Amino acid sequence: MREEQLKILKMIEEGTITAEEGSKLLSSIEESSEKLDTKKGTEAKWLRIKVLSNKKGEKSKVNVNVPIALVETGLKIGKNFDKDLEESMKDIDIQEILELIKSGAEGKIVEVETDEGDTVEVYVE
């Protein structure tokens, strides 16, 4: 980054660009640097859903990994295609789960045992 700034200052000194143009270039370099720094600090999080079978010899029935960024959008879209979705998920407070995720919660956030004895695990990594 320092090298780019020196080149711009050299161009101003040589008269290749005006001081005002140089100032704009220096500002744009600083802005792009700040954007890169904030992106480095954010790690993509995943919502992981596993349905584990209670039967011997079966490991898992379902293993789904969804980027957190798509979860809320996916739920909204899903309601439009499956009218029974809301009924089938009546015992799960999706809004509470989304709030936990947004607040930075990680690890297992839900574990449910079905009537058939299967286990459903929802966690964030």
Protein backbone atom coordinates (compact mmCIF):
# COMPACT_ATOMS: atom_id res chain seq x y z
CA MET A 1 0.00 0.00 0.00
CA ARG A 2 2.78 2.40 0.84
CA GLU A 3 4.28 1.94 -2.63
CA GLU A 4 1.07 3.07 -4.34
CA GLN A 5 0.92 6.20 -2.21
CA LEU A 6 4.53 7.08 -3.06
CA LYS A 7 3.82 6.66 -6.79
CA ILE A 8 0.88 9.05 -6.56
CA LEU A 9 2.96 11.61 -4.66
CA LYS A 10 5.73 11.28 -7.27
CA MET A 11 3.17 11.90 -10.06
CA ILE A 12 2.04 15.07 -8.27
CA GLU A 13 5.65 16.20 -7.86
CA GLU A 14 6.40 15.63 -11.56
CA GLY A 15 3.23 17.47 -12.58
CA THR A 16 1.68 14.40 -14.24
CA ILE A 17 -1.46 14.89 -12.13
CA THR A 18 -2.76 17.82 -10.09
CA ALA A 19 -2.75 17.88 -6.30
CA GLU A 20 -6.55 17.55 -6.34
CA GLU A 21 -6.40 14.44 -8.56
CA GLY A 22 -3.70 12.99 -6.32
CA SER A 23 -5.82 13.61 -3.25
CA LYS A 24 -8.75 11.75 -4.83
CA LEU A 25 -6.51 8.83 -5.75
CA LEU A 26 -5.07 8.64 -2.22
CA SER A 27 -8.58 8.69 -0.76
CA SER A 28 -9.74 5.89 -3.03
CA ILE A 29 -6.73 3.78 -2.03
CA GLU A 30 -7.55 4.26 1.66
CA GLU A 31 -11.21 3.34 1.10
CA SER A 32 -10.38 0.17 -0.80
CA SER A 33 -7.90 -0.79 1.93
CA GLU A 34 -10.58 -0.39 4.62
CA LYS A 35 -13.02 -2.57 2.65
CA LEU A 36 -10.43 -5.32 2.31
CA ASP A 37 -9.68 -5.23 6.04
CA THR A 38 -13.35 -5.68 6.99
CA LYS A 39 -13.77 -8.58 4.58
CA LYS A 40 -10.73 -10.37 6.01
CA GLY A 41 -12.28 -10.32 9.49
CA THR A 42 -15.56 -11.94 8.47
CA GLU A 43 -15.71 -15.66 8.13
CA ALA A 44 -18.54 -17.34 6.30
CA LYS A 45 -20.79 -19.18 8.70
CA TRP A 46 -22.80 -22.26 7.88
CA LEU A 47 -26.06 -23.63 9.20
CA ARG A 48 -25.63 -27.39 9.44
CA ILE A 49 -28.60 -29.72 9.79
CA LYS A 50 -28.23 -33.43 10.48
CA VAL A 51 -30.90 -36.06 10.83
CA LEU A 52 -29.38 -39.04 12.60
CA SER A 53 -31.07 -42.41 12.34
CA ASN A 54 -31.85 -44.48 15.41
CA LYS A 55 -31.42 -47.71 13.42
CA LYS A 56 -28.25 -49.75 13.79
CA GLY A 57 -25.90 -49.54 10.85
CA GLU A 58 -27.30 -46.22 9.57
CA LYS A 59 -25.17 -43.16 10.25
CA SER A 60 -27.25 -40.23 9.05
CA LYS A 61 -30.32 -39.84 6.93
CA VAL A 62 -29.79 -36.20 6.01
CA ASN A 63 -26.79 -33.90 6.15
CA VAL A 64 -27.45 -30.35 4.90
CA ASN A 65 -25.01 -27.42 4.94
CA VAL A 66 -26.39 -23.96 4.09
CA PRO A 67 -24.55 -20.62 4.12
CA ILE A 68 -26.09 -18.44 6.83
CA ALA A 69 -26.58 -15.65 4.30
CA LEU A 70 -29.09 -17.83 2.44
CA VAL A 71 -31.06 -19.17 5.41
CA GLU A 72 -33.52 -16.31 5.92
CA THR A 73 -34.05 -15.83 2.19
CA GLY A 74 -34.51 -19.56 1.70
CA LEU A 75 -37.16 -19.75 4.40
CA LYS A 76 -39.11 -16.88 2.86
CA ILE A 77 -38.97 -18.48 -0.58
CA GLY A 78 -39.82 -21.92 0.81
CA LYS A 79 -43.08 -20.66 2.30
CA ASN A 80 -44.20 -19.60 -1.17
CA PHE A 81 -43.70 -23.08 -2.61
CA ASP A 82 -44.77 -25.27 0.30
CA LYS A 83 -47.88 -24.12 2.13
CA ASP A 84 -47.41 -26.96 4.65
CA LEU A 85 -43.94 -25.73 5.61
CA GLU A 86 -45.26 -23.39 8.27
CA GLU A 87 -47.43 -26.16 9.76
CA SER A 88 -44.62 -28.71 9.75
CA MET A 89 -42.30 -26.26 11.52
CA LYS A 90 -44.82 -24.99 14.07
CA ASP A 91 -42.80 -26.34 17.02
CA ILE A 92 -39.57 -24.65 15.87
CA ASP A 93 -39.15 -20.92 16.45
CA ILE A 94 -37.25 -20.01 13.28
CA GLN A 95 -37.17 -16.32 14.16
CA GLU A 96 -35.45 -17.11 17.47
CA ILE A 97 -32.90 -19.29 15.69
CA LEU A 98 -32.17 -16.51 13.18
CA GLU A 99 -31.74 -13.98 16.00
CA LEU A 100 -29.28 -16.31 17.75
CA ILE A 101 -27.30 -16.70 14.53
CA LYS A 102 -27.25 -12.95 13.87
CA SER A 103 -26.03 -12.30 17.41
CA GLY A 104 -23.02 -14.54 16.74
CA ALA A 105 -24.13 -17.80 18.38
CA GLU A 106 -22.15 -20.86 17.33
CA GLY A 107 -22.39 -24.54 18.08
CA LYS A 108 -25.51 -26.65 18.50
CA ILE A 109 -28.62 -24.48 18.73
CA VAL A 110 -31.36 -27.11 18.35
CA GLU A 111 -31.62 -30.83 19.02
CA VAL A 112 -34.95 -32.59 18.53
CA GLU A 113 -35.93 -36.24 18.72
CA THR A 114 -38.65 -37.29 16.26
CA ASP A 115 -41.53 -39.68 16.95
CA GLU A 116 -39.57 -42.38 15.08
CA GLY A 117 -36.62 -41.90 17.42
CA ASP A 118 -34.42 -40.10 14.90
CA THR A 119 -32.44 -37.10 16.11
CA VAL A 120 -32.39 -33.74 14.31
CA GLU A 121 -29.43 -31.48 15.11
CA VAL A 122 -29.11 -27.87 13.97
CA TYR A 123 -25.86 -26.05 14.59
CA VAL A 124 -23.81 -23.12 13.33
CA GLU A 125 -20.12 -23.26 12.39
